[in-house]
Amino acid sequence: MYNYYRQCSANHYPYTIQPGDTLYNISQRLEVSLERILAANPGINPYYLRVGQIICIPACLPNYTPRIIRPGDTLYKIAREYNVSVESILDANPGVDPNYLRVGQRLCIPSGNGGSPNCGETVTAMQEDIDMLIPESSVQQTHESNYGDSTQTTSVIMVNSGQIRFDAVPVNISGDYVGHYTEGKNYPYYADAASGGQRGINVKDNFGVWHSFGYRVPVT
């Protein structure tokens, strides 16, 4: 067995060639582009890899932070943790499926604050616009008048770009409510009267806007 020693530079880690390895399947398995692997290993012959040979695998580009997916992680949760946008994480990790993250999967998190230096100002402006529009909505005014003082709350168990789940509802509800609701936070709500198998729940979001969600209870 060959054992070629190679000193890997900072932000790289060594990988030992195994039987059947090719640079392509290594790049797919370790989620690193073939071009970056070749650039990290000058002089390597991609058609003549030997078992036991050590190559260097680039981790993340400079100014990017490696992050290993843990149980319960979502891209929105990670984006909030690092104060970046979900879009910037997806741009830095092409090929990542935001609805199918695997525990142990490695992501590269870009530096910055949400991908926009004016992120905080944008959120403030959005809130000001919403505060002006709510009084013009009869639906919002009715919700607020009837249930604005309610102490009944529901917690958001999960929210991503495709679904949301409240602890007061036994099913996932389709829709992109990222930003409107925060995972683990409690929100005022009230339930509509059931009609057959159809149910409804109304929940106020981070901006003070009421959203109505319809769902069906699974038949057991």
N, C-alpha and C. Protein backbone atom coordinates (compact mmCIF):
# COMPACT_ATOMS: atom_id res chain seq x y z
N MET A 1 0.86 -1.20 0.00
CA MET A 1 0.00 0.00 0.00
C MET A 1 0.88 1.24 0.00
N TYR A 2 0.52 2.19 -0.81
CA TYR A 2 1.27 3.43 -0.89
C TYR A 2 0.84 4.37 0.23
N ASN A 3 1.77 5.17 0.69
CA ASN A 3 1.44 6.13 1.73
C ASN A 3 2.17 7.43 1.43
N TYR A 4 1.62 8.18 0.51
CA TYR A 4 2.25 9.42 0.07
C TYR A 4 1.90 10.54 1.04
N TYR A 5 2.89 11.08 1.69
CA TYR A 5 2.68 12.16 2.66
C TYR A 5 2.52 13.49 1.93
N ARG A 6 1.54 14.24 2.32
CA ARG A 6 1.35 15.57 1.75
C ARG A 6 0.97 16.52 2.88
N GLN A 7 1.66 17.63 2.97
CA GLN A 7 1.36 18.65 3.98
C GLN A 7 0.26 19.56 3.44
N CYS A 8 -0.85 19.55 4.11
CA CYS A 8 -1.98 20.36 3.65
C CYS A 8 -1.92 21.75 4.28
N SER A 9 -2.26 22.74 3.48
CA SER A 9 -2.22 24.12 3.96
C SER A 9 -3.43 24.42 4.84
N ALA A 10 -3.42 25.59 5.43
CA ALA A 10 -4.52 26.00 6.29
C ALA A 10 -5.84 25.95 5.53
N ASN A 11 -6.89 25.61 6.26
CA ASN A 11 -8.24 25.53 5.70
C ASN A 11 -8.39 24.37 4.71
N HIS A 12 -7.50 23.37 4.83
CA HIS A 12 -7.58 22.14 4.06
C HIS A 12 -7.42 20.97 5.03
N TYR A 13 -7.91 19.81 4.65
CA TYR A 13 -7.69 18.63 5.49
C TYR A 13 -7.28 17.45 4.61
N PRO A 14 -6.48 16.52 5.17
CA PRO A 14 -5.97 15.40 4.37
C PRO A 14 -7.05 14.33 4.16
N TYR A 15 -6.98 13.70 3.01
CA TYR A 15 -7.87 12.57 2.71
C TYR A 15 -7.02 11.46 2.11
N THR A 16 -7.19 10.24 2.59
CA THR A 16 -6.42 9.09 2.11
C THR A 16 -7.23 8.33 1.06
N ILE A 17 -6.65 8.14 -0.11
CA ILE A 17 -7.33 7.46 -1.21
C ILE A 17 -7.68 6.02 -0.81
N GLN A 18 -8.95 5.65 -1.05
CA GLN A 18 -9.44 4.31 -0.75
C GLN A 18 -9.65 3.53 -2.05
N PRO A 19 -9.75 2.20 -1.97
CA PRO A 19 -10.00 1.41 -3.18
C PRO A 19 -11.27 1.89 -3.89
N GLY A 20 -11.17 2.07 -5.21
CA GLY A 20 -12.33 2.49 -5.99
C GLY A 20 -12.53 3.98 -6.08
N ASP A 21 -11.72 4.76 -5.36
CA ASP A 21 -11.86 6.22 -5.38
C ASP A 21 -11.49 6.82 -6.73
N THR A 22 -12.23 7.81 -7.13
CA THR A 22 -11.85 8.71 -8.21
C THR A 22 -12.03 10.12 -7.68
N LEU A 23 -11.38 11.08 -8.30
CA LEU A 23 -11.54 12.46 -7.83
C LEU A 23 -12.99 12.90 -7.94
N TYR A 24 -13.68 12.40 -8.96
CA TYR A 24 -15.07 12.81 -9.14
C TYR A 24 -15.94 12.30 -8.00
N ASN A 25 -15.83 10.99 -7.66
CA ASN A 25 -16.70 10.51 -6.59
C ASN A 25 -16.29 11.08 -5.22
N ILE A 26 -15.01 11.40 -5.07
CA ILE A 26 -14.58 12.07 -3.84
C ILE A 26 -15.22 13.45 -3.75
N SER A 27 -15.23 14.17 -4.86
CA SER A 27 -15.81 15.52 -4.87
C SER A 27 -17.30 15.46 -4.56
N GLN A 28 -17.98 14.43 -5.09
CA GLN A 28 -19.41 14.30 -4.82
C GLN A 28 -19.67 13.93 -3.37
N ARG A 29 -18.89 13.00 -2.85
CA ARG A 29 -19.11 12.52 -1.48
C ARG A 29 -18.78 13.58 -0.45
N LEU A 30 -17.71 14.34 -0.69
CA LEU A 30 -17.29 15.35 0.28
C LEU A 30 -17.85 16.74 -0.03
N GLU A 31 -18.65 16.83 -1.12
CA GLU A 31 -19.34 18.07 -1.50
C GLU A 31 -18.36 19.23 -1.72
N VAL A 32 -17.31 18.93 -2.47
CA VAL A 32 -16.32 19.93 -2.86
C VAL A 32 -16.14 19.81 -4.36
N SER A 33 -16.09 20.94 -5.07
CA SER A 33 -16.00 20.88 -6.52
C SER A 33 -14.69 20.23 -6.96
N LEU A 34 -14.74 19.55 -8.11
CA LEU A 34 -13.57 18.89 -8.65
C LEU A 34 -12.46 19.90 -8.94
N GLU A 35 -12.85 21.08 -9.40
CA GLU A 35 -11.88 22.14 -9.71
C GLU A 35 -11.11 22.56 -8.47
N ARG A 36 -11.79 22.68 -7.33
CA ARG A 36 -11.12 23.09 -6.09
C ARG A 36 -10.18 22.01 -5.58
N ILE A 37 -10.55 20.75 -5.76
CA ILE A 37 -9.66 19.66 -5.34
C ILE A 37 -8.39 19.66 -6.19
N LEU A 38 -8.54 19.83 -7.50
CA LEU A 38 -7.38 19.87 -8.38
C LEU A 38 -6.48 21.05 -8.05
N ALA A 39 -7.08 22.21 -7.75
CA ALA A 39 -6.29 23.39 -7.42
C ALA A 39 -5.54 23.21 -6.11
N ALA A 40 -6.10 22.42 -5.19
CA ALA A 40 -5.46 22.20 -3.89
C ALA A 40 -4.36 21.15 -3.95
N ASN A 41 -4.28 20.44 -5.08
CA ASN A 41 -3.29 19.36 -5.21
C ASN A 41 -2.53 19.49 -6.53
N PRO A 42 -1.70 20.52 -6.66
CA PRO A 42 -0.96 20.74 -7.92
C PRO A 42 -0.07 19.54 -8.25
N GLY A 43 -0.09 19.16 -9.52
CA GLY A 43 0.75 18.05 -9.96
C GLY A 43 0.10 16.69 -9.84
N ILE A 44 -1.09 16.61 -9.23
CA ILE A 44 -1.74 15.31 -9.08
C ILE A 44 -2.23 14.82 -10.43
N ASN A 45 -2.14 13.51 -10.65
CA ASN A 45 -2.66 12.89 -11.87
C ASN A 45 -4.03 12.30 -11.54
N PRO A 46 -5.13 12.95 -11.98
CA PRO A 46 -6.46 12.47 -11.60
C PRO A 46 -6.79 11.09 -12.14
N TYR A 47 -6.01 10.61 -13.14
CA TYR A 47 -6.26 9.29 -13.73
C TYR A 47 -5.35 8.22 -13.14
N TYR A 48 -4.54 8.60 -12.15
CA TYR A 48 -3.61 7.63 -11.57
C TYR A 48 -3.52 7.86 -10.07
N LEU A 49 -4.62 7.55 -9.38
CA LEU A 49 -4.65 7.65 -7.92
C LEU A 49 -4.27 6.30 -7.33
N ARG A 50 -3.51 6.33 -6.25
CA ARG A 50 -3.06 5.09 -5.61
C ARG A 50 -3.63 4.97 -4.21
N VAL A 51 -4.08 3.78 -3.86
CA VAL A 51 -4.59 3.52 -2.52
C VAL A 51 -3.53 3.89 -1.50
N GLY A 52 -3.90 4.69 -0.50
CA GLY A 52 -2.96 5.15 0.51
C GLY A 52 -2.39 6.51 0.22
N GLN A 53 -2.55 6.96 -1.00
CA GLN A 53 -2.09 8.31 -1.37
C GLN A 53 -2.91 9.35 -0.61
N ILE A 54 -2.25 10.40 -0.15
CA ILE A 54 -2.94 11.45 0.60
C ILE A 54 -3.09 12.69 -0.29
N ILE A 55 -4.32 13.18 -0.37
CA ILE A 55 -4.59 14.43 -1.08
C ILE A 55 -5.19 15.42 -0.10
N CYS A 56 -5.19 16.68 -0.48
CA CYS A 56 -5.72 17.74 0.39
C CYS A 56 -7.09 18.18 -0.12
N ILE A 57 -8.03 18.22 0.79
CA ILE A 57 -9.40 18.63 0.46
C ILE A 57 -9.64 20.02 1.02
N PRO A 58 -9.98 20.98 0.16
CA PRO A 58 -10.27 22.33 0.67
C PRO A 58 -11.55 22.32 1.49
N ALA A 59 -11.51 22.94 2.65
CA ALA A 59 -12.69 23.00 3.50
C ALA A 59 -13.61 24.11 3.00
N CYS A 60 -13.39 25.32 3.44
CA CYS A 60 -14.20 26.45 2.99
C CYS A 60 -13.27 27.55 2.49
N LEU A 61 -13.77 28.36 1.61
CA LEU A 61 -12.99 29.48 1.10
C LEU A 61 -12.67 30.46 2.22
N PRO A 62 -11.64 31.31 2.03
CA PRO A 62 -11.34 32.32 3.05
C PRO A 62 -12.56 33.18 3.35
N ASN A 63 -12.71 33.55 4.60
CA ASN A 63 -13.85 34.34 5.09
C ASN A 63 -15.15 33.55 5.15
N TYR A 64 -15.05 32.22 4.99
CA TYR A 64 -16.22 31.36 5.16
C TYR A 64 -15.98 30.46 6.37
N THR A 65 -17.03 30.17 7.10
CA THR A 65 -16.93 29.36 8.31
C THR A 65 -17.55 27.99 8.07
N PRO A 66 -16.82 26.90 8.33
CA PRO A 66 -17.43 25.57 8.18
C PRO A 66 -18.47 25.33 9.28
N ARG A 67 -19.57 24.73 8.92
CA ARG A 67 -20.65 24.43 9.88
C ARG A 67 -21.18 23.03 9.58
N ILE A 68 -21.16 22.14 10.57
CA ILE A 68 -21.65 20.78 10.42
C ILE A 68 -23.12 20.73 10.84
N ILE A 69 -23.95 20.15 9.98
CA ILE A 69 -25.38 20.05 10.26
C ILE A 69 -25.63 19.17 11.47
N ARG A 70 -26.45 19.69 12.40
CA ARG A 70 -26.82 18.95 13.62
C ARG A 70 -28.30 18.61 13.58
N PRO A 71 -28.75 17.63 14.38
CA PRO A 71 -30.18 17.30 14.41
C PRO A 71 -31.02 18.54 14.70
N GLY A 72 -32.08 18.72 13.93
CA GLY A 72 -32.98 19.85 14.14
C GLY A 72 -32.60 21.11 13.38
N ASP A 73 -31.45 21.10 12.69
CA ASP A 73 -31.01 22.28 11.95
C ASP A 73 -31.90 22.54 10.74
N THR A 74 -32.13 23.81 10.43
CA THR A 74 -32.70 24.24 9.17
C THR A 74 -31.82 25.37 8.65
N LEU A 75 -31.91 25.67 7.36
CA LEU A 75 -31.10 26.76 6.82
C LEU A 75 -31.48 28.08 7.47
N TYR A 76 -32.77 28.26 7.75
CA TYR A 76 -33.20 29.51 8.38
C TYR A 76 -32.59 29.64 9.78
N LYS A 77 -32.58 28.53 10.53
CA LYS A 77 -32.01 28.54 11.87
C LYS A 77 -30.51 28.85 11.82
N ILE A 78 -29.81 28.24 10.86
CA ILE A 78 -28.37 28.49 10.72
C ILE A 78 -28.11 29.93 10.28
N ALA A 79 -28.95 30.43 9.36
CA ALA A 79 -28.80 31.81 8.90
C ALA A 79 -28.94 32.80 10.06
N ARG A 80 -29.89 32.56 10.95
CA ARG A 80 -30.07 33.43 12.11
C ARG A 80 -28.89 33.31 13.07
N GLU A 81 -28.36 32.08 13.20
CA GLU A 81 -27.22 31.83 14.10
C GLU A 81 -26.00 32.65 13.67
N TYR A 82 -25.78 32.77 12.35
CA TYR A 82 -24.60 33.47 11.84
C TYR A 82 -24.92 34.86 11.31
N ASN A 83 -26.18 35.27 11.44
CA ASN A 83 -26.61 36.60 11.00
C ASN A 83 -26.32 36.82 9.51
N VAL A 84 -26.70 35.82 8.71
CA VAL A 84 -26.58 35.92 7.26
C VAL A 84 -27.92 35.52 6.66
N SER A 85 -28.07 35.69 5.35
CA SER A 85 -29.32 35.32 4.69
C SER A 85 -29.27 33.87 4.23
N VAL A 86 -30.44 33.24 4.13
CA VAL A 86 -30.54 31.89 3.60
C VAL A 86 -29.99 31.86 2.17
N GLU A 87 -30.30 32.91 1.40
CA GLU A 87 -29.84 32.96 0.01
C GLU A 87 -28.31 32.95 -0.09
N SER A 88 -27.63 33.65 0.83
CA SER A 88 -26.17 33.69 0.79
C SER A 88 -25.57 32.32 1.12
N ILE A 89 -26.23 31.56 2.00
CA ILE A 89 -25.76 30.20 2.31
C ILE A 89 -25.94 29.30 1.10
N LEU A 90 -27.08 29.41 0.42
CA LEU A 90 -27.32 28.60 -0.77
C LEU A 90 -26.33 28.95 -1.87
N ASP A 91 -26.02 30.23 -2.02
CA ASP A 91 -25.04 30.66 -3.04
C ASP A 91 -23.65 30.08 -2.75
N ALA A 92 -23.31 29.97 -1.46
CA ALA A 92 -21.99 29.47 -1.07
C ALA A 92 -21.91 27.95 -1.10
N ASN A 93 -23.07 27.29 -1.22
CA ASN A 93 -23.10 25.83 -1.19
C ASN A 93 -23.98 25.31 -2.32
N PRO A 94 -23.54 25.49 -3.58
CA PRO A 94 -24.36 25.04 -4.71
C PRO A 94 -24.64 23.55 -4.63
N GLY A 95 -25.87 23.20 -4.96
CA GLY A 95 -26.26 21.80 -4.93
C GLY A 95 -26.92 21.37 -3.63
N VAL A 96 -26.87 22.22 -2.60
CA VAL A 96 -27.49 21.88 -1.32
C VAL A 96 -29.01 22.00 -1.45
N ASP A 97 -29.73 20.97 -1.02
CA ASP A 97 -31.18 20.99 -1.02
C ASP A 97 -31.64 21.51 0.34
N PRO A 98 -32.25 22.70 0.41
CA PRO A 98 -32.63 23.27 1.71
C PRO A 98 -33.67 22.46 2.45
N ASN A 99 -34.38 21.59 1.73
CA ASN A 99 -35.40 20.77 2.37
C ASN A 99 -34.90 19.36 2.70
N TYR A 100 -33.60 19.13 2.44
CA TYR A 100 -33.04 17.80 2.72
C TYR A 100 -31.62 17.96 3.23
N LEU A 101 -31.50 18.45 4.46
CA LEU A 101 -30.19 18.57 5.10
C LEU A 101 -29.89 17.29 5.86
N ARG A 102 -28.66 16.82 5.75
CA ARG A 102 -28.26 15.59 6.41
C ARG A 102 -27.39 15.88 7.62
N VAL A 103 -27.67 15.21 8.72
CA VAL A 103 -26.83 15.36 9.91
C VAL A 103 -25.41 14.94 9.55
N GLY A 104 -24.43 15.78 9.88
CA GLY A 104 -23.04 15.52 9.54
C GLY A 104 -22.61 16.20 8.25
N GLN A 105 -23.57 16.72 7.49
CA GLN A 105 -23.25 17.44 6.25
C GLN A 105 -22.51 18.74 6.57
N ARG A 106 -21.53 19.10 5.74
CA ARG A 106 -20.76 20.31 5.97
C ARG A 106 -21.23 21.43 5.07
N LEU A 107 -21.45 22.60 5.66
CA LEU A 107 -21.79 23.81 4.91
C LEU A 107 -20.70 24.84 5.12
N CYS A 108 -20.53 25.72 4.15
CA CYS A 108 -19.63 26.86 4.30
C CYS A 108 -20.49 28.10 4.47
N ILE A 109 -20.33 28.78 5.60
CA ILE A 109 -21.16 29.93 5.92
C ILE A 109 -20.41 31.22 5.60
N PRO A 110 -20.97 32.07 4.74
CA PRO A 110 -20.29 33.32 4.40
C PRO A 110 -20.29 34.30 5.56
N SER A 111 -19.30 35.18 5.56
CA SER A 111 -19.29 36.22 6.59
C SER A 111 -20.24 37.33 6.17
N GLY A 112 -20.53 38.21 7.08
CA GLY A 112 -21.43 39.32 6.75
C GLY A 112 -22.59 39.37 7.72
N ASN A 113 -23.54 40.21 7.41
CA ASN A 113 -24.71 40.34 8.29
C ASN A 113 -25.96 40.27 7.44
N GLY A 114 -26.26 39.02 7.03
CA GLY A 114 -27.48 38.81 6.29
C GLY A 114 -27.33 39.08 4.81
N GLY A 115 -26.11 39.30 4.34
CA GLY A 115 -25.92 39.53 2.93
C GLY A 115 -26.22 40.95 2.52
N SER A 116 -26.57 41.79 3.48
CA SER A 116 -26.89 43.17 3.13
C SER A 116 -26.49 44.07 4.27
N PRO A 117 -25.68 45.11 4.02
CA PRO A 117 -25.26 45.99 5.11
C PRO A 117 -26.41 46.78 5.69
N ASN A 118 -27.54 46.83 4.98
CA ASN A 118 -28.68 47.60 5.46
C ASN A 118 -29.83 46.70 5.87
N CYS A 119 -29.51 45.46 6.27
CA CYS A 119 -30.55 44.49 6.61
C CYS A 119 -31.46 45.02 7.72
N GLY A 120 -30.85 45.55 8.80
CA GLY A 120 -31.65 46.06 9.91
C GLY A 120 -32.54 47.20 9.49
N GLU A 121 -31.99 48.09 8.63
CA GLU A 121 -32.79 49.21 8.16
C GLU A 121 -33.95 48.73 7.29
N THR A 122 -33.71 47.67 6.50
CA THR A 122 -34.76 47.14 5.65
C THR A 122 -35.90 46.57 6.47
N VAL A 123 -35.56 45.80 7.53
CA VAL A 123 -36.60 45.23 8.39
C VAL A 123 -37.40 46.34 9.06
N THR A 124 -36.72 47.39 9.52
CA THR A 124 -37.41 48.51 10.15
C THR A 124 -38.38 49.17 9.17
N ALA A 125 -37.92 49.37 7.93
CA ALA A 125 -38.78 49.98 6.92
C ALA A 125 -39.98 49.10 6.62
N MET A 126 -39.77 47.77 6.55
CA MET A 126 -40.88 46.84 6.32
C MET A 126 -41.90 46.95 7.43
N GLN A 127 -41.42 47.01 8.69
CA GLN A 127 -42.34 47.10 9.82
C GLN A 127 -43.14 48.40 9.75
N GLU A 128 -42.49 49.50 9.37
CA GLU A 128 -43.20 50.77 9.26
C GLU A 128 -44.28 50.71 8.19
N ASP A 129 -43.96 50.07 7.05
CA ASP A 129 -44.95 49.94 5.99
C ASP A 129 -46.13 49.09 6.45
N ILE A 130 -45.83 47.99 7.15
CA ILE A 130 -46.89 47.11 7.63
C ILE A 130 -47.77 47.82 8.65
N ASP A 131 -47.15 48.60 9.54
CA ASP A 131 -47.92 49.34 10.55
C ASP A 131 -48.89 50.32 9.91
N MET A 132 -48.52 50.84 8.73
CA MET A 132 -49.42 51.76 8.04
C MET A 132 -50.54 51.02 7.31
N LEU A 133 -50.25 49.79 6.83
CA LEU A 133 -51.23 49.05 6.05
C LEU A 133 -52.25 48.32 6.91
N ILE A 134 -51.86 47.87 8.10
CA ILE A 134 -52.77 47.11 8.96
C ILE A 134 -54.07 47.86 9.24
N PRO A 135 -54.04 49.16 9.59
CA PRO A 135 -55.30 49.87 9.85
C PRO A 135 -56.23 49.94 8.64
N GLU A 136 -55.69 49.76 7.43
CA GLU A 136 -56.51 49.82 6.22
C GLU A 136 -57.13 48.48 5.88
N SER A 137 -56.77 47.42 6.61
CA SER A 137 -57.29 46.08 6.33
C SER A 137 -58.39 45.75 7.32
N SER A 138 -59.61 45.58 6.82
CA SER A 138 -60.73 45.24 7.70
C SER A 138 -60.55 43.87 8.32
N VAL A 139 -59.92 42.95 7.55
CA VAL A 139 -59.69 41.60 8.07
C VAL A 139 -58.74 41.66 9.25
N GLN A 140 -57.63 42.40 9.10
CA GLN A 140 -56.66 42.52 10.19
C GLN A 140 -57.29 43.22 11.39
N GLN A 141 -58.09 44.21 11.15
CA GLN A 141 -58.72 44.93 12.25
C GLN A 141 -59.70 44.04 13.01
N THR A 142 -60.41 43.18 12.28
CA THR A 142 -61.34 42.26 12.94
C THR A 142 -60.59 41.26 13.80
N HIS A 143 -59.52 40.69 13.23
CA HIS A 143 -58.71 39.75 14.01
C HIS A 143 -58.20 40.42 15.28
N GLU A 144 -57.64 41.62 15.13
CA GLU A 144 -57.03 42.30 16.26
C GLU A 144 -58.06 42.69 17.30
N SER A 145 -59.23 43.14 16.83
CA SER A 145 -60.30 43.56 17.76
C SER A 145 -60.82 42.39 18.59
N ASN A 146 -60.96 41.24 17.93
CA ASN A 146 -61.54 40.08 18.62
C ASN A 146 -60.53 39.28 19.43
N TYR A 147 -59.28 39.26 18.97
CA TYR A 147 -58.32 38.33 19.59
C TYR A 147 -56.98 38.97 19.93
N GLY A 148 -56.85 40.27 19.73
CA GLY A 148 -55.56 40.92 19.99
C GLY A 148 -55.11 40.84 21.43
N ASP A 149 -56.06 40.72 22.37
CA ASP A 149 -55.71 40.66 23.80
C ASP A 149 -55.64 39.23 24.32
N SER A 150 -55.79 38.26 23.44
CA SER A 150 -55.78 36.87 23.87
C SER A 150 -54.41 36.47 24.41
N THR A 151 -54.41 35.68 25.47
CA THR A 151 -53.16 35.18 26.07
C THR A 151 -52.86 33.76 25.58
N GLN A 152 -53.72 33.23 24.72
CA GLN A 152 -53.51 31.89 24.19
C GLN A 152 -52.42 31.95 23.13
N THR A 153 -51.39 31.13 23.28
CA THR A 153 -50.28 31.15 22.33
C THR A 153 -49.96 29.75 21.81
N THR A 154 -49.33 29.72 20.66
CA THR A 154 -48.83 28.48 20.07
C THR A 154 -47.37 28.68 19.69
N SER A 155 -46.59 27.63 19.84
CA SER A 155 -45.16 27.70 19.53
C SER A 155 -44.90 27.18 18.12
N VAL A 156 -43.93 27.80 17.44
CA VAL A 156 -43.51 27.33 16.12
C VAL A 156 -42.48 26.23 16.32
N ILE A 157 -42.82 25.02 15.90
CA ILE A 157 -41.92 23.89 16.03
C ILE A 157 -40.89 23.87 14.91
N MET A 158 -41.34 24.24 13.70
CA MET A 158 -40.47 24.20 12.53
C MET A 158 -40.96 25.21 11.51
N VAL A 159 -40.04 25.92 10.87
CA VAL A 159 -40.40 26.80 9.76
C VAL A 159 -39.24 26.81 8.76
N ASN A 160 -39.57 26.61 7.49
CA ASN A 160 -38.56 26.72 6.43
C ASN A 160 -39.23 27.27 5.18
N SER A 161 -38.54 27.22 4.06
CA SER A 161 -39.06 27.84 2.85
C SER A 161 -40.24 27.08 2.24
N GLY A 162 -40.55 25.91 2.78
CA GLY A 162 -41.64 25.12 2.21
C GLY A 162 -42.77 24.79 3.15
N GLN A 163 -42.50 24.80 4.48
CA GLN A 163 -43.51 24.37 5.44
C GLN A 163 -43.36 25.09 6.77
N ILE A 164 -44.46 25.05 7.55
CA ILE A 164 -44.42 25.55 8.92
C ILE A 164 -45.22 24.59 9.78
N ARG A 165 -44.83 24.48 11.06
CA ARG A 165 -45.52 23.58 11.97
C ARG A 165 -45.70 24.28 13.31
N PHE A 166 -46.95 24.35 13.79
CA PHE A 166 -47.27 24.89 15.10
C PHE A 166 -47.59 23.76 16.06
N ASP A 167 -47.28 23.94 17.35
CA ASP A 167 -47.57 22.87 18.29
C ASP A 167 -49.07 22.69 18.51
N ALA A 168 -49.87 23.68 18.12
CA ALA A 168 -51.33 23.58 18.27
C ALA A 168 -51.98 22.86 17.10
N VAL A 169 -51.19 22.50 16.09
CA VAL A 169 -51.72 21.85 14.88
C VAL A 169 -50.98 20.52 14.68
N PRO A 170 -51.72 19.43 14.39
CA PRO A 170 -51.08 18.11 14.31
C PRO A 170 -50.42 17.80 12.97
N VAL A 171 -50.37 18.77 12.05
CA VAL A 171 -49.77 18.51 10.73
C VAL A 171 -48.90 19.68 10.31
N ASN A 172 -48.01 19.43 9.33
CA ASN A 172 -47.26 20.52 8.72
C ASN A 172 -48.16 21.27 7.75
N ILE A 173 -47.98 22.58 7.66
CA ILE A 173 -48.76 23.42 6.76
C ILE A 173 -47.82 23.96 5.69
N SER A 174 -48.23 23.84 4.42
CA SER A 174 -47.38 24.29 3.31
C SER A 174 -47.34 25.81 3.22
N GLY A 175 -46.19 26.32 2.80
CA GLY A 175 -46.04 27.76 2.61
C GLY A 175 -44.70 28.25 3.10
N ASP A 176 -44.23 29.35 2.53
CA ASP A 176 -42.96 29.95 2.93
C ASP A 176 -43.24 31.09 3.91
N TYR A 177 -42.98 30.84 5.20
CA TYR A 177 -43.21 31.85 6.24
C TYR A 177 -41.93 32.19 6.97
N VAL A 178 -40.79 31.94 6.29
CA VAL A 178 -39.50 32.31 6.85
C VAL A 178 -39.46 33.82 7.04
N GLY A 179 -39.06 34.26 8.21
CA GLY A 179 -39.02 35.68 8.52
C GLY A 179 -40.28 36.14 9.22
N HIS A 180 -41.43 35.56 8.84
CA HIS A 180 -42.68 35.91 9.50
C HIS A 180 -42.75 35.27 10.89
N TYR A 181 -42.23 34.04 10.98
CA TYR A 181 -42.27 33.31 12.24
C TYR A 181 -40.87 32.80 12.58
N THR A 182 -40.58 32.68 13.87
CA THR A 182 -39.28 32.24 14.34
C THR A 182 -39.42 30.92 15.09
N GLU A 183 -38.61 29.97 14.72
CA GLU A 183 -38.65 28.65 15.34
C GLU A 183 -38.44 28.76 16.85
N GLY A 184 -39.33 28.11 17.63
CA GLY A 184 -39.22 28.12 19.08
C GLY A 184 -39.93 29.27 19.76
N LYS A 185 -40.45 30.22 19.00
CA LYS A 185 -41.11 31.39 19.59
C LYS A 185 -42.62 31.16 19.69
N ASN A 186 -43.26 31.76 20.71
CA ASN A 186 -44.70 31.64 20.91
C ASN A 186 -45.43 32.83 20.29
N TYR A 187 -46.62 32.55 19.71
CA TYR A 187 -47.40 33.58 19.05
C TYR A 187 -48.88 33.50 19.47
N PRO A 188 -49.55 34.65 19.57
CA PRO A 188 -51.00 34.64 19.85
C PRO A 188 -51.74 33.93 18.71
N TYR A 189 -52.77 33.16 19.07
CA TYR A 189 -53.53 32.46 18.03
C TYR A 189 -54.95 32.19 18.51
N TYR A 190 -55.81 31.86 17.56
CA TYR A 190 -57.12 31.31 17.89
C TYR A 190 -57.51 30.35 16.79
N ALA A 191 -58.34 29.38 17.14
CA ALA A 191 -58.74 28.34 16.19
C ALA A 191 -60.14 28.63 15.68
N ASP A 192 -60.35 28.38 14.39
CA ASP A 192 -61.68 28.49 13.80
C ASP A 192 -62.50 27.26 14.17
N ALA A 193 -63.82 27.39 14.06
CA ALA A 193 -64.70 26.24 14.29
C ALA A 193 -64.45 25.19 13.21
N ALA A 194 -64.41 23.92 13.62
CA ALA A 194 -64.15 22.84 12.68
C ALA A 194 -65.33 22.67 11.74
N SER A 195 -65.05 22.37 10.48
CA SER A 195 -66.09 22.11 9.49
C SER A 195 -65.75 20.82 8.77
N GLY A 196 -66.38 19.71 9.22
CA GLY A 196 -66.03 18.41 8.68
C GLY A 196 -64.61 18.07 9.07
N GLY A 197 -63.81 17.67 8.11
CA GLY A 197 -62.40 17.40 8.39
C GLY A 197 -61.53 18.62 8.26
N GLN A 198 -62.11 19.76 7.84
CA GLN A 198 -61.33 20.98 7.64
C GLN A 198 -61.24 21.78 8.93
N ARG A 199 -60.03 22.19 9.28
CA ARG A 199 -59.80 23.01 10.46
C ARG A 199 -59.10 24.30 10.05
N GLY A 200 -59.09 25.26 10.95
CA GLY A 200 -58.41 26.51 10.67
C GLY A 200 -57.78 27.08 11.92
N ILE A 201 -56.65 27.76 11.74
CA ILE A 201 -55.98 28.41 12.86
C ILE A 201 -55.48 29.77 12.38
N ASN A 202 -55.57 30.77 13.23
CA ASN A 202 -55.14 32.13 12.90
C ASN A 202 -54.03 32.51 13.87
N VAL A 203 -52.88 32.91 13.33
CA VAL A 203 -51.71 33.17 14.16
C VAL A 203 -51.08 34.51 13.78
N LYS A 204 -50.81 35.35 14.79
CA LYS A 204 -50.14 36.64 14.54
C LYS A 204 -48.65 36.40 14.36
N ASP A 205 -48.01 37.13 13.41
CA ASP A 205 -46.60 36.90 13.12
C ASP A 205 -45.70 37.94 13.77
N ASN A 206 -44.41 37.90 13.40
CA ASN A 206 -43.43 38.81 14.00
C ASN A 206 -43.72 40.28 13.74
N PHE A 207 -44.48 40.56 12.68
CA PHE A 207 -44.77 41.95 12.31
C PHE A 207 -46.13 42.42 12.79
N GLY A 208 -46.83 41.55 13.55
CA GLY A 208 -48.16 41.92 14.04
C GLY A 208 -49.27 41.63 13.06
N VAL A 209 -48.97 40.87 12.00
CA VAL A 209 -49.96 40.53 10.98
C VAL A 209 -50.55 39.15 11.30
N TRP A 210 -51.90 39.05 11.20
CA TRP A 210 -52.56 37.78 11.40
C TRP A 210 -52.57 36.98 10.10
N HIS A 211 -52.23 35.68 10.20
CA HIS A 211 -52.30 34.77 9.05
C HIS A 211 -53.29 33.67 9.36
N SER A 212 -54.08 33.30 8.36
CA SER A 212 -55.05 32.21 8.52
C SER A 212 -54.54 30.96 7.80
N PHE A 213 -54.52 29.85 8.51
CA PHE A 213 -54.02 28.59 7.96
C PHE A 213 -55.14 27.55 7.99
N GLY A 214 -55.40 26.93 6.84
CA GLY A 214 -56.35 25.84 6.78
C GLY A 214 -55.63 24.51 6.67
N TYR A 215 -56.19 23.48 7.30
CA TYR A 215 -55.57 22.16 7.24
C TYR A 215 -56.61 21.08 7.51
N ARG A 216 -56.27 19.87 7.18
CA ARG A 216 -57.14 18.73 7.44
C ARG A 216 -56.47 17.80 8.44
N VAL A 217 -57.26 17.28 9.35
CA VAL A 217 -56.75 16.35 10.35
C VAL A 217 -56.67 14.97 9.71
N PRO A 218 -55.53 14.30 9.78
CA PRO A 218 -55.41 12.97 9.17
C PRO A 218 -56.41 11.98 9.76
N VAL A 219 -56.98 11.15 8.91
CA VAL A 219 -57.92 10.13 9.36
C VAL A 219 -57.12 8.96 9.91
N THR A 220 -57.43 8.52 11.12
CA THR A 220 -56.71 7.41 11.73
C THR A 220 -57.54 6.14 11.71
